[in-house]
């Protein structure tokens, strides 16, 4: 969103920045703006340059090979609680409120346990 101040420091001088540059097909729509001053605009671009895509991909692959990375497994007691609440007739959203488990995880648990759908 295009703002009247830098989102990092709050200054209203020399504001700029397209998320997708116009040279790469970006437009002037408000959702394509991250409003930054000149100094922080350069700061963001310098971060991008130091993080090579190849290094990022190789780090992810190394993490997958070594079994690190990703979200931690849900505790089995929490999974059993989700199943119990579902069998008691609670909705996914109610289960989410009571357990803090994400809706997509609840859906996966229900599917993995071959529980009957209530559609």
PDB file of N, CA and C in Angstrom:
ATOM      1  N   UNK A   1       0.849  -1.172   0.000  1.00  0.00           N
ATOM      2  CA  UNK A   1       0.000   0.000   0.000  1.00  0.00           C
ATOM      3  C   UNK A   1       0.896   1.237   0.000  1.00  0.00           C
ATOM      4  N   UNK A   2       0.555   2.202  -0.780  1.00  0.00           N
ATOM      5  CA  UNK A   2       1.333   3.426  -0.868  1.00  0.00           C
ATOM      6  C   UNK A   2       0.955   4.331   0.301  1.00  0.00           C
ATOM      7  N   UNK A   3       1.952   4.637   1.126  1.00  0.00           N
ATOM      8  CA  UNK A   3       1.738   5.476   2.294  1.00  0.00           C
ATOM      9  C   UNK A   3       2.465   6.800   2.126  1.00  0.00           C
ATOM     10  N   UNK A   4       2.275   7.698   3.058  1.00  0.00           N
ATOM     11  CA  UNK A   4       2.923   9.010   2.992  1.00  0.00           C
ATOM     12  C   UNK A   4       4.148   9.082   3.881  1.00  0.00           C
ATOM     13  N   UNK A   5       4.658   7.917   4.311  1.00  0.00           N
ATOM     14  CA  UNK A   5       5.837   7.873   5.170  1.00  0.00           C
ATOM     15  C   UNK A   5       6.559   6.550   4.961  1.00  0.00           C
ATOM     16  N   UNK A   6       7.837   6.520   5.299  1.00  0.00           N
ATOM     17  CA  UNK A   6       8.642   5.305   5.210  1.00  0.00           C
ATOM     18  C   UNK A   6       8.167   4.338   6.296  1.00  0.00           C
ATOM     19  N   UNK A   7       7.907   3.089   5.918  1.00  0.00           N
ATOM     20  CA  UNK A   7       7.403   2.119   6.883  1.00  0.00           C
ATOM     21  C   UNK A   7       8.462   1.706   7.900  1.00  0.00           C
ATOM     22  N   UNK A   8       9.733   2.029   7.641  1.00  0.00           N
ATOM     23  CA  UNK A   8      10.797   1.671   8.582  1.00  0.00           C
ATOM     24  C   UNK A   8      11.109   2.810   9.539  1.00  0.00           C
ATOM     25  N   UNK A   9      11.330   4.011   9.014  1.00  0.00           N
ATOM     26  CA  UNK A   9      11.766   5.104   9.894  1.00  0.00           C
ATOM     27  C   UNK A   9      10.727   6.210  10.073  1.00  0.00           C
ATOM     28  N   UNK A  10       9.706   6.241   9.223  1.00  0.00           N
ATOM     29  CA  UNK A  10       8.639   7.220   9.378  1.00  0.00           C
ATOM     30  C   UNK A  10       8.852   8.546   8.671  1.00  0.00           C
ATOM     31  N   UNK A  11       9.988   8.732   8.027  1.00  0.00           N
ATOM     32  CA  UNK A  11      10.234   9.996   7.338  1.00  0.00           C
ATOM     33  C   UNK A  11       9.285  10.137   6.144  1.00  0.00           C
ATOM     34  N   UNK A  12       9.062  11.396   5.727  1.00  0.00           N
ATOM     35  CA  UNK A  12       8.206  11.614   4.561  1.00  0.00           C
ATOM     36  C   UNK A  12       8.997  12.203   3.394  1.00  0.00           C
ATOM     37  N   UNK A  13      10.313  12.042   3.413  1.00  0.00           N
ATOM     38  CA  UNK A  13      11.196  12.550   2.360  1.00  0.00           C
ATOM     39  C   UNK A  13      11.636  11.437   1.412  1.00  0.00           C
ATOM     40  N   UNK A  14      11.684  11.721   0.121  1.00  0.00           N
ATOM     41  CA  UNK A  14      12.202  10.812  -0.909  1.00  0.00           C
ATOM     42  C   UNK A  14      11.577   9.416  -0.854  1.00  0.00           C
ATOM     43  N   UNK A  15      10.269   9.340  -0.864  1.00  0.00           N
ATOM     44  CA  UNK A  15       9.587   8.048  -0.757  1.00  0.00           C
ATOM     45  C   UNK A  15       9.509   7.350  -2.104  1.00  0.00           C
ATOM     46  N   UNK A  16       9.637   6.014  -2.067  1.00  0.00           N
ATOM     47  CA  UNK A  16       9.619   5.223  -3.287  1.00  0.00           C
ATOM     48  C   UNK A  16       9.518   3.743  -2.960  1.00  0.00           C
ATOM     49  N   UNK A  17       9.358   2.919  -3.919  1.00  0.00           N
ATOM     50  CA  UNK A  17       9.560   1.484  -3.954  1.00  0.00           C
ATOM     51  C   UNK A  17       8.350   0.702  -4.427  1.00  0.00           C
ATOM     52  N   UNK A  18       8.568   0.000  -5.503  1.00  0.00           N
ATOM     53  CA  UNK A  18       7.610  -0.961  -6.023  1.00  0.00           C
ATOM     54  C   UNK A  18       8.057  -2.340  -5.540  1.00  0.00           C
ATOM     55  N   UNK A  19       7.137  -3.181  -5.113  1.00  0.00           N
ATOM     56  CA  UNK A  19       7.496  -4.532  -4.696  1.00  0.00           C
ATOM     57  C   UNK A  19       7.955  -5.324  -5.918  1.00  0.00           C
ATOM     58  N   UNK A  20       7.138  -5.299  -6.974  1.00  0.00           N
ATOM     59  CA  UNK A  20       7.559  -5.859  -8.263  1.00  0.00           C
ATOM     60  C   UNK A  20       7.946  -4.657  -9.124  1.00  0.00           C
ATOM     61  N   UNK A  21       9.228  -4.514  -9.449  1.00  0.00           N
ATOM     62  CA  UNK A  21       9.673  -3.342 -10.209  1.00  0.00           C
ATOM     63  C   UNK A  21       8.921  -3.195 -11.532  1.00  0.00           C
ATOM     64  N   UNK A  22       8.729  -1.961 -11.938  1.00  0.00           N
ATOM     65  CA  UNK A  22       8.051  -1.698 -13.211  1.00  0.00           C
ATOM     66  C   UNK A  22       8.806  -2.352 -14.361  1.00  0.00           C
ATOM     67  N   UNK A  23      10.127  -2.422 -14.257  1.00  0.00           N
ATOM     68  CA  UNK A  23      10.939  -3.041 -15.309  1.00  0.00           C
ATOM     69  C   UNK A  23      10.673  -4.543 -15.432  1.00  0.00           C
ATOM     70  N   UNK A  24      10.073  -5.142 -14.372  1.00  0.00           N
ATOM     71  CA  UNK A  24       9.760  -6.567 -14.399  1.00  0.00           C
ATOM     72  C   UNK A  24       8.256  -6.815 -14.494  1.00  0.00           C
ATOM     73  N   UNK A  25       7.521  -5.801 -14.948  1.00  0.00           N
ATOM     74  CA  UNK A  25       6.089  -5.960 -15.170  1.00  0.00           C
ATOM     75  C   UNK A  25       5.203  -5.466 -14.041  1.00  0.00           C
ATOM     76  N   UNK A  26       5.799  -4.890 -12.997  1.00  0.00           N
ATOM     77  CA  UNK A  26       5.004  -4.358 -11.893  1.00  0.00           C
ATOM     78  C   UNK A  26       4.238  -3.122 -12.328  1.00  0.00           C
ATOM     79  N   UNK A  27       3.182  -2.795 -11.604  1.00  0.00           N
ATOM     80  CA  UNK A  27       2.381  -1.626 -11.956  1.00  0.00           C
ATOM     81  C   UNK A  27       2.341  -0.642 -10.788  1.00  0.00           C
ATOM     82  N   UNK A  28       1.541   0.404 -10.936  1.00  0.00           N
ATOM     83  CA  UNK A  28       1.429   1.426  -9.900  1.00  0.00           C
ATOM     84  C   UNK A  28       0.229   1.198  -8.983  1.00  0.00           C
ATOM     85  N   UNK A  29      -0.308  -0.019  -8.973  1.00  0.00           N
ATOM     86  CA  UNK A  29      -1.426  -0.330  -8.093  1.00  0.00           C
ATOM     87  C   UNK A  29      -0.956  -0.239  -6.643  1.00  0.00           C
ATOM     88  N   UNK A  30      -1.837   0.174  -5.736  1.00  0.00           N
ATOM     89  CA  UNK A  30      -1.443   0.391  -4.343  1.00  0.00           C
ATOM     90  C   UNK A  30      -0.903  -0.877  -3.674  1.00  0.00           C
ATOM     91  N   UNK A  31      -1.299  -2.043  -4.137  1.00  0.00           N
ATOM     92  CA  UNK A  31      -0.816  -3.285  -3.540  1.00  0.00           C
ATOM     93  C   UNK A  31       0.585  -3.656  -4.005  1.00  0.00           C
ATOM     94  N   UNK A  32       1.136  -2.897  -4.947  1.00  0.00           N
ATOM     95  CA  UNK A  32       2.492  -3.149  -5.420  1.00  0.00           C
ATOM     96  C   UNK A  32       3.484  -2.161  -4.828  1.00  0.00           C
ATOM     97  N   UNK A  33       3.125  -1.486  -3.759  1.00  0.00           N
ATOM     98  CA  UNK A  33       4.014  -0.513  -3.135  1.00  0.00           C
ATOM     99  C   UNK A  33       4.395  -0.934  -1.734  1.00  0.00           C
ATOM    100  N   UNK A  34       5.657  -0.751  -1.405  1.00  0.00           N
ATOM    101  CA  UNK A  34       6.137  -0.807  -0.039  1.00  0.00           C
ATOM    102  C   UNK A  34       6.828   0.533   0.131  1.00  0.00           C
ATOM    103  N   UNK A  35       6.233   1.434   0.863  1.00  0.00           N
ATOM    104  CA  UNK A  35       6.713   2.805   0.920  1.00  0.00           C
ATOM    105  C   UNK A  35       7.951   2.891   1.801  1.00  0.00           C
ATOM    106  N   UNK A  36       9.060   3.304   1.170  1.00  0.00           N
ATOM    107  CA  UNK A  36      10.352   3.423   1.843  1.00  0.00           C
ATOM    108  C   UNK A  36      11.029   4.723   1.443  1.00  0.00           C
ATOM    109  N   UNK A  37      11.846   5.251   2.354  1.00  0.00           N
ATOM    110  CA  UNK A  37      12.678   6.402   1.990  1.00  0.00           C
ATOM    111  C   UNK A  37      13.842   5.891   1.146  1.00  0.00           C
ATOM    112  N   UNK A  38      14.584   6.791   0.550  1.00  0.00           N
ATOM    113  CA  UNK A  38      15.691   6.428  -0.322  1.00  0.00           C
ATOM    114  C   UNK A  38      16.679   5.518   0.403  1.00  0.00           C
ATOM    115  N   UNK A  39      17.022   5.856   1.644  1.00  0.00           N
ATOM    116  CA  UNK A  39      18.011   5.089   2.414  1.00  0.00           C
ATOM    117  C   UNK A  39      17.538   3.650   2.645  1.00  0.00           C
ATOM    118  N   UNK A  40      16.305   3.484   3.075  1.00  0.00           N
ATOM    119  CA  UNK A  40      15.812   2.142   3.365  1.00  0.00           C
ATOM    120  C   UNK A  40      15.477   1.367   2.089  1.00  0.00           C
ATOM    121  N   UNK A  41      15.160   2.055   1.011  1.00  0.00           N
ATOM    122  CA  UNK A  41      14.969   1.414  -0.285  1.00  0.00           C
ATOM    123  C   UNK A  41      16.269   0.725  -0.693  1.00  0.00           C
ATOM    124  N   UNK A  42      17.389   1.440  -0.572  1.00  0.00           N
ATOM    125  CA  UNK A  42      18.698   0.859  -0.900  1.00  0.00           C
ATOM    126  C   UNK A  42      19.039  -0.284   0.059  1.00  0.00           C
ATOM    127  N   UNK A  43      18.696  -0.120   1.323  1.00  0.00           N
ATOM    128  CA  UNK A  43      18.946  -1.149   2.327  1.00  0.00           C
ATOM    129  C   UNK A  43      18.256  -2.461   1.932  1.00  0.00           C
ATOM    130  N   UNK A  44      17.001  -2.374   1.526  1.00  0.00           N
ATOM    131  CA  UNK A  44      16.240  -3.557   1.121  1.00  0.00           C
ATOM    132  C   UNK A  44      16.878  -4.218  -0.094  1.00  0.00           C
ATOM    133  N   UNK A  45      17.295  -3.421  -1.077  1.00  0.00           N
ATOM    134  CA  UNK A  45      17.919  -3.996  -2.267  1.00  0.00           C
ATOM    135  C   UNK A  45      19.250  -4.641  -1.942  1.00  0.00           C
ATOM    136  N   UNK A  46      20.000  -4.097  -0.995  1.00  0.00           N
ATOM    137  CA  UNK A  46      21.267  -4.707  -0.603  1.00  0.00           C
ATOM    138  C   UNK A  46      21.045  -6.051   0.085  1.00  0.00           C
ATOM    139  N   UNK A  47      19.977  -6.182   0.859  1.00  0.00           N
ATOM    140  CA  UNK A  47      19.650  -7.468   1.477  1.00  0.00           C
ATOM    141  C   UNK A  47      19.365  -8.492   0.392  1.00  0.00           C
ATOM    142  N   UNK A  48      18.592  -8.099  -0.599  1.00  0.00           N
ATOM    143  CA  UNK A  48      18.251  -9.020  -1.690  1.00  0.00           C
ATOM    144  C   UNK A  48      19.505  -9.516  -2.395  1.00  0.00           C
ATOM    145  N   UNK A  49      20.464  -8.630  -2.621  1.00  0.00           N
ATOM    146  CA  UNK A  49      21.675  -9.007  -3.346  1.00  0.00           C
ATOM    147  C   UNK A  49      22.533  -9.986  -2.568  1.00  0.00           C
ATOM    148  N   UNK A  50      22.508  -9.897  -1.246  1.00  0.00           N
ATOM    149  CA  UNK A  50      23.365 -10.771  -0.442  1.00  0.00           C
ATOM    150  C   UNK A  50      22.757 -12.150  -0.259  1.00  0.00           C
ATOM    151  N   UNK A  51      21.482 -12.297  -0.538  1.00  0.00           N
ATOM    152  CA  UNK A  51      20.822 -13.594  -0.378  1.00  0.00           C
ATOM    153  C   UNK A  51      20.594 -14.215  -1.745  1.00  0.00           C
ATOM    154  N   UNK A  52      21.548 -14.974  -2.169  1.00  0.00           N
ATOM    155  CA  UNK A  52      21.457 -15.615  -3.472  1.00  0.00           C
ATOM    156  C   UNK A  52      20.407 -16.715  -3.449  1.00  0.00           C
ATOM    157  N   UNK A  53      19.640 -16.808  -4.520  1.00  0.00           N
ATOM    158  CA  UNK A  53      18.601 -17.834  -4.618  1.00  0.00           C
ATOM    159  C   UNK A  53      19.224 -19.228  -4.546  1.00  0.00           C
ATOM    160  N   UNK A  54      20.384 -19.393  -5.175  1.00  0.00           N
ATOM    161  CA  UNK A  54      21.045 -20.702  -5.157  1.00  0.00           C
ATOM    162  C   UNK A  54      21.410 -21.100  -3.728  1.00  0.00           C
ATOM    163  N   UNK A  55      21.934 -20.161  -2.936  1.00  0.00           N
ATOM    164  CA  UNK A  55      22.282 -20.462  -1.551  1.00  0.00           C
ATOM    165  C   UNK A  55      21.039 -20.830  -0.757  1.00  0.00           C
ATOM    166  N   UNK A  56      19.951 -20.132  -0.982  1.00  0.00           N
ATOM    167  CA  UNK A  56      18.696 -20.386  -0.285  1.00  0.00           C
ATOM    168  C   UNK A  56      18.202 -21.794  -0.590  1.00  0.00           C
ATOM    169  N   UNK A  57      18.175 -22.154  -1.870  1.00  0.00           N
ATOM    170  CA  UNK A  57      17.696 -23.473  -2.281  1.00  0.00           C
ATOM    171  C   UNK A  57      18.600 -24.563  -1.716  1.00  0.00           C
ATOM    172  N   UNK A  58      19.926 -24.364  -1.753  1.00  0.00           N
ATOM    173  CA  UNK A  58      20.827 -25.396  -1.233  1.00  0.00           C
ATOM    174  C   UNK A  58      20.671 -25.557   0.276  1.00  0.00           C
ATOM    175  N   UNK A  59      20.375 -24.483   0.998  1.00  0.00           N
ATOM    176  CA  UNK A  59      20.141 -24.575   2.446  1.00  0.00           C
ATOM    177  C   UNK A  59      18.884 -25.374   2.731  1.00  0.00           C
ATOM    178  N   UNK A  60      17.842 -25.142   1.954  1.00  0.00           N
ATOM    179  CA  UNK A  60      16.596 -25.884   2.143  1.00  0.00           C
ATOM    180  C   UNK A  60      16.829 -27.363   1.871  1.00  0.00           C
ATOM    181  N   UNK A  61      17.519 -27.680   0.780  1.00  0.00           N
ATOM    182  CA  UNK A  61      17.785 -29.080   0.452  1.00  0.00           C
ATOM    183  C   UNK A  61      18.626 -29.743   1.534  1.00  0.00           C
ATOM    184  N   UNK A  62      19.637 -29.054   2.032  1.00  0.00           N
ATOM    185  CA  UNK A  62      20.477 -29.610   3.092  1.00  0.00           C
ATOM    186  C   UNK A  62      19.646 -29.877   4.334  1.00  0.00           C
ATOM    187  N   UNK A  63      18.752 -28.990   4.664  1.00  0.00           N
ATOM    188  CA  UNK A  63      17.880 -29.177   5.823  1.00  0.00           C
ATOM    189  C   UNK A  63      16.971 -30.376   5.648  1.00  0.00           C
ATOM    190  N   UNK A  64      16.458 -30.586   4.448  1.00  0.00           N
ATOM    191  CA  UNK A  64      15.581 -31.729   4.198  1.00  0.00           C
ATOM    192  C   UNK A  64      16.350 -33.032   4.295  1.00  0.00           C
ATOM    193  N   UNK A  65      17.579 -33.035   3.803  1.00  0.00           N
ATOM    194  CA  UNK A  65      18.400 -34.242   3.843  1.00  0.00           C
ATOM    195  C   UNK A  65      18.742 -34.597   5.295  1.00  0.00           C
ATOM    196  N   UNK A  66      19.079 -33.585   6.100  1.00  0.00           N
ATOM    197  CA  UNK A  66      19.491 -33.827   7.480  1.00  0.00           C
ATOM    198  C   UNK A  66      18.317 -33.901   8.452  1.00  0.00           C
ATOM    199  N   UNK A  67      17.109 -33.786   7.945  1.00  0.00           N
ATOM    200  CA  UNK A  67      15.940 -33.904   8.803  1.00  0.00           C
ATOM    201  C   UNK A  67      15.672 -32.696   9.670  1.00  0.00           C
ATOM    202  N   UNK A  68      16.216 -31.558   9.295  1.00  0.00           N
ATOM    203  CA  UNK A  68      15.954 -30.334  10.038  1.00  0.00           C
ATOM    204  C   UNK A  68      15.091 -29.415   9.211  1.00  0.00           C
ATOM    205  N   UNK A  69      14.511 -28.444   9.857  1.00  0.00           N
ATOM    206  CA  UNK A  69      13.702 -27.488   9.137  1.00  0.00           C
ATOM    207  C   UNK A  69      12.244 -27.892   9.128  1.00  0.00           C
ATOM    208  N   UNK A  70      11.422 -26.988   8.680  1.00  0.00           N
ATOM    209  CA  UNK A  70      10.000 -27.236   8.677  1.00  0.00           C
ATOM    210  C   UNK A  70       9.408 -27.053  10.060  1.00  0.00           C
ATOM    211  N   UNK A  71       8.119 -27.261  10.149  1.00  0.00           N
ATOM    212  CA  UNK A  71       7.446 -27.118  11.433  1.00  0.00           C
ATOM    213  C   UNK A  71       7.643 -28.362  12.275  1.00  0.00           C
ATOM    214  N   UNK A  72       7.707 -28.190  13.580  1.00  0.00           N
ATOM    215  CA  UNK A  72       7.841 -29.371  14.438  1.00  0.00           C
ATOM    216  C   UNK A  72       6.566 -30.204  14.392  1.00  0.00           C
ATOM    217  N   UNK A  73       6.716 -31.497  14.618  1.00  0.00           N
ATOM    218  CA  UNK A  73       5.569 -32.402  14.634  1.00  0.00           C
ATOM    219  C   UNK A  73       4.636 -32.028  15.773  1.00  0.00           C
ATOM    220  N   UNK A  74       3.347 -32.231  15.539  1.00  0.00           N
ATOM    221  CA  UNK A  74       2.345 -31.975  16.555  1.00  0.00           C
ATOM    222  C   UNK A  74       2.432 -33.082  17.601  1.00  0.00           C
ATOM    223  N   UNK A  75       2.393 -32.691  18.855  1.00  0.00           N
ATOM    224  CA  UNK A  75       2.448 -33.652  19.952  1.00  0.00           C
ATOM    225  C   UNK A  75       1.285 -34.636  19.835  1.00  0.00           C
ATOM    226  N   UNK A  76       1.550 -35.923  20.091  1.00  0.00           N
ATOM    227  CA  UNK A  76       0.536 -36.963  19.936  1.00  0.00           C
ATOM    228  C   UNK A  76      -0.661 -36.734  20.858  1.00  0.00           C
ATOM    229  N   UNK A  77      -0.412 -36.172  22.043  1.00  0.00           N
ATOM    230  CA  UNK A  77      -1.531 -35.904  22.960  1.00  0.00           C
ATOM    231  C   UNK A  77      -2.451 -34.825  22.393  1.00  0.00           C
ATOM    232  N   UNK A  78      -1.863 -33.852  21.703  1.00  0.00           N
ATOM    233  CA  UNK A  78      -2.665 -32.793  21.077  1.00  0.00           C
ATOM    234  C   UNK A  78      -3.479 -33.377  19.929  1.00  0.00           C
ATOM    235  N   UNK A  79      -2.867 -34.295  19.185  1.00  0.00           N
ATOM    236  CA  UNK A  79      -3.573 -34.939  18.081  1.00  0.00           C
ATOM    237  C   UNK A  79      -4.759 -35.754  18.615  1.00  0.00           C
ATOM    238  N   UNK A  80      -4.548 -36.473  19.708  1.00  0.00           N
ATOM    239  CA  UNK A  80      -5.635 -37.255  20.315  1.00  0.00           C
ATOM    240  C   UNK A  80      -6.752 -36.349  20.816  1.00  0.00           C
ATOM    241  N   UNK A  81      -6.378 -35.175  21.336  1.00  0.00           N
ATOM    242  CA  UNK A  81      -7.374 -34.213  21.804  1.00  0.00           C
ATOM    243  C   UNK A  81      -8.232 -33.720  20.640  1.00  0.00           C
ATOM    244  N   UNK A  82      -7.600 -33.459  19.493  1.00  0.00           N
ATOM    245  CA  UNK A  82      -8.332 -33.022  18.300  1.00  0.00           C
ATOM    246  C   UNK A  82      -9.344 -34.091  17.886  1.00  0.00           C
ATOM    247  N   UNK A  83      -8.908 -35.356  17.843  1.00  0.00           N
ATOM    248  CA  UNK A  83      -9.798 -36.459  17.459  1.00  0.00           C
ATOM    249  C   UNK A  83     -10.966 -36.554  18.440  1.00  0.00           C
ATOM    250  N   UNK A  84     -10.673 -36.481  19.728  1.00  0.00           N
ATOM    251  CA  UNK A  84     -11.715 -36.578  20.763  1.00  0.00           C
ATOM    252  C   UNK A  84     -12.755 -35.470  20.589  1.00  0.00           C
ATOM    253  N   UNK A  85     -12.291 -34.233  20.409  1.00  0.00           N
ATOM    254  CA  UNK A  85     -13.207 -33.102  20.248  1.00  0.00           C
ATOM    255  C   UNK A  85     -14.045 -33.237  18.978  1.00  0.00           C
ATOM    256  N   UNK A  86     -13.424 -33.735  17.917  1.00  0.00           N
ATOM    257  CA  UNK A  86     -14.147 -33.937  16.658  1.00  0.00           C
ATOM    258  C   UNK A  86     -15.251 -34.984  16.845  1.00  0.00           C
ATOM    259  N   UNK A  87     -14.917 -36.072  17.516  1.00  0.00           N
ATOM    260  CA  UNK A  87     -15.897 -37.135  17.743  1.00  0.00           C
ATOM    261  C   UNK A  87     -17.015 -36.686  18.675  1.00  0.00           C
ATOM    262  N   UNK A  88     -16.736 -35.684  19.512  1.00  0.00           N
ATOM    263  CA  UNK A  88     -17.770 -35.113  20.382  1.00  0.00           C
ATOM    264  C   UNK A  88     -18.707 -34.182  19.616  1.00  0.00           C
ATOM    265  N   UNK A  89     -18.360 -33.891  18.346  1.00  0.00           N
ATOM    266  CA  UNK A  89     -19.233 -33.075  17.510  1.00  0.00           C
ATOM    267  C   UNK A  89     -18.838 -31.622  17.373  1.00  0.00           C
ATOM    268  N   UNK A  90     -17.661 -31.242  17.865  1.00  0.00           N
ATOM    269  CA  UNK A  90     -17.206 -29.856  17.746  1.00  0.00           C
ATOM    270  C   UNK A  90     -16.786 -29.543  16.311  1.00  0.00           C
ATOM    271  N   UNK A  91     -16.975 -28.307  15.897  1.00  0.00           N
ATOM    272  CA  UNK A  91     -16.569 -27.875  14.552  1.00  0.00           C
ATOM    273  C   UNK A  91     -15.054 -27.674  14.518  1.00  0.00           C
ATOM    274  N   UNK A  92     -14.509 -27.585  13.306  1.00  0.00           N
ATOM    275  CA  UNK A  92     -13.075 -27.344  13.146  1.00  0.00           C
ATOM    276  C   UNK A  92     -12.671 -26.051  13.855  1.00  0.00           C
ATOM    277  N   UNK A  93     -13.471 -25.010  13.672  1.00  0.00           N
ATOM    278  CA  UNK A  93     -13.126 -23.715  14.279  1.00  0.00           C
ATOM    279  C   UNK A  93     -13.178 -23.775  15.806  1.00  0.00           C
ATOM    280  N   UNK A  94     -14.140 -24.513  16.337  1.00  0.00           N
ATOM    281  CA  UNK A  94     -14.215 -24.668  17.798  1.00  0.00           C
ATOM    282  C   UNK A  94     -12.991 -25.437  18.301  1.00  0.00           C
ATOM    283  N   UNK A  95     -12.602 -26.478  17.567  1.00  0.00           N
ATOM    284  CA  UNK A  95     -11.420 -27.257  17.942  1.00  0.00           C
ATOM    285  C   UNK A  95     -10.180 -26.371  17.893  1.00  0.00           C
ATOM    286  N   UNK A  96     -10.101 -25.535  16.868  1.00  0.00           N
ATOM    287  CA  UNK A  96      -8.961 -24.612  16.746  1.00  0.00           C
ATOM    288  C   UNK A  96      -8.902 -23.688  17.957  1.00  0.00           C
ATOM    289  N   UNK A  97     -10.063 -23.131  18.355  1.00  0.00           N
ATOM    290  CA  UNK A  97     -10.101 -22.233  19.515  1.00  0.00           C
ATOM    291  C   UNK A  97      -9.670 -22.955  20.791  1.00  0.00           C
ATOM    292  N   UNK A  98     -10.103 -24.184  20.946  1.00  0.00           N
ATOM    293  CA  UNK A  98      -9.831 -24.927  22.179  1.00  0.00           C
ATOM    294  C   UNK A  98      -8.400 -25.470  22.255  1.00  0.00           C
ATOM    295  N   UNK A  99      -7.816 -25.792  21.098  1.00  0.00           N
ATOM    296  CA  UNK A  99      -6.507 -26.455  21.113  1.00  0.00           C
ATOM    297  C   UNK A  99      -5.362 -25.589  20.584  1.00  0.00           C
ATOM    298  N   UNK A 100      -5.700 -24.597  19.758  1.00  0.00           N
ATOM    299  CA  UNK A 100      -4.652 -23.785  19.139  1.00  0.00           C
ATOM    300  C   UNK A 100      -4.052 -24.433  17.899  1.00  0.00           C
ATOM    301  N   UNK A 101      -4.620 -25.553  17.469  1.00  0.00           N
ATOM    302  CA  UNK A 101      -4.131 -26.259  16.285  1.00  0.00           C
ATOM    303  C   UNK A 101      -4.724 -25.608  15.037  1.00  0.00           C
ATOM    304  N   UNK A 102      -3.905 -25.441  13.997  1.00  0.00           N
ATOM    305  CA  UNK A 102      -4.344 -24.802  12.758  1.00  0.00           C
ATOM    306  C   UNK A 102      -5.436 -25.625  12.074  1.00  0.00           C
ATOM    307  N   UNK A 103      -6.330 -24.937  11.369  1.00  0.00           N
ATOM    308  CA  UNK A 103      -7.429 -25.609  10.676  1.00  0.00           C
ATOM    309  C   UNK A 103      -6.930 -26.664   9.694  1.00  0.00           C
ATOM    310  N   UNK A 104      -5.879 -26.345   8.950  1.00  0.00           N
ATOM    311  CA  UNK A 104      -5.364 -27.311   7.970  1.00  0.00           C
ATOM    312  C   UNK A 104      -4.814 -28.554   8.667  1.00  0.00           C
ATOM    313  N   UNK A 105      -4.244 -28.387   9.855  1.00  0.00           N
ATOM    314  CA  UNK A 105      -3.724 -29.531  10.608  1.00  0.00           C
ATOM    315  C   UNK A 105      -4.878 -30.368  11.143  1.00  0.00           C
ATOM    316  N   UNK A 106      -5.918 -29.704  11.610  1.00  0.00           N
ATOM    317  CA  UNK A 106      -7.104 -30.424  12.085  1.00  0.00           C
ATOM    318  C   UNK A 106      -7.677 -31.258  10.942  1.00  0.00           C
ATOM    319  N   UNK A 107      -7.795 -30.647   9.774  1.00  0.00           N
ATOM    320  CA  UNK A 107      -8.327 -31.342   8.599  1.00  0.00           C
ATOM    321  C   UNK A 107      -7.463 -32.561   8.272  1.00  0.00           C
ATOM    322  N   UNK A 108      -6.145 -32.398   8.343  1.00  0.00           N
ATOM    323  CA  UNK A 108      -5.232 -33.509   8.057  1.00  0.00           C
ATOM    324  C   UNK A 108      -5.405 -34.634   9.077  1.00  0.00           C
ATOM    325  N   UNK A 109      -5.522 -34.285  10.353  1.00  0.00           N
ATOM    326  CA  UNK A 109      -5.698 -35.294  11.401  1.00  0.00           C
ATOM    327  C   UNK A 109      -6.983 -36.079  11.175  1.00  0.00           C
ATOM    328  N   UNK A 110      -8.054 -35.376  10.852  1.00  0.00           N
ATOM    329  CA  UNK A 110      -9.347 -36.032  10.621  1.00  0.00           C
ATOM    330  C   UNK A 110      -9.237 -36.986   9.429  1.00  0.00           C
ATOM    331  N   UNK A 111      -8.599 -36.541   8.359  1.00  0.00           N
ATOM    332  CA  UNK A 111      -8.427 -37.365   7.164  1.00  0.00           C
ATOM    333  C   UNK A 111      -7.518 -38.561   7.443  1.00  0.00           C
ATOM    334  N   UNK A 112      -6.382 -38.323   8.107  1.00  0.00           N
ATOM    335  CA  UNK A 112      -5.429 -39.401   8.401  1.00  0.00           C
ATOM    336  C   UNK A 112      -6.036 -40.482   9.294  1.00  0.00           C
ATOM    337  N   UNK A 113      -6.979 -40.103  10.139  1.00  0.00           N
ATOM    338  CA  UNK A 113      -7.603 -41.063  11.043  1.00  0.00           C
ATOM    339  C   UNK A 113      -8.883 -41.664  10.462  1.00  0.00           C
ATOM    340  N   UNK A 114      -9.144 -41.383   9.191  1.00  0.00           N
ATOM    341  CA  UNK A 114     -10.321 -41.927   8.487  1.00  0.00           C
ATOM    342  C   UNK A 114     -11.616 -41.708   9.260  1.00  0.00           C
ATOM    343  N   UNK A 115     -11.749 -40.525   9.847  1.00  0.00           N
ATOM    344  CA  UNK A 115     -12.964 -40.211  10.588  1.00  0.00           C
ATOM    345  C   UNK A 115     -14.044 -39.766   9.607  1.00  0.00           C
ATOM    346  N   UNK A 116     -15.294 -40.061   9.914  1.00  0.00           N
ATOM    347  CA  UNK A 116     -16.380 -39.714   8.988  1.00  0.00           C
ATOM    348  C   UNK A 116     -16.535 -38.201   8.840  1.00  0.00           C
ATOM    349  N   UNK A 117     -16.771 -37.791   7.616  1.00  0.00           N
ATOM    350  CA  UNK A 117     -16.986 -36.368   7.325  1.00  0.00           C
ATOM    351  C   UNK A 117     -18.388 -35.966   7.752  1.00  0.00           C
ATOM    352  N   UNK A 118     -18.529 -34.718   8.194  1.00  0.00           N
ATOM    353  CA  UNK A 118     -19.836 -34.229   8.622  1.00  0.00           C
ATOM    354  C   UNK A 118     -20.392 -33.198   7.654  1.00  0.00           C
ATOM    355  N   UNK A 119     -20.138 -33.324   6.380  1.00  0.00           N
ATOM    356  CA  UNK A 119     -20.596 -32.330   5.403  1.00  0.00           C
ATOM    357  C   UNK A 119     -22.041 -32.406   5.147  1.00  0.00           C
TER     358      UNK A 119
END
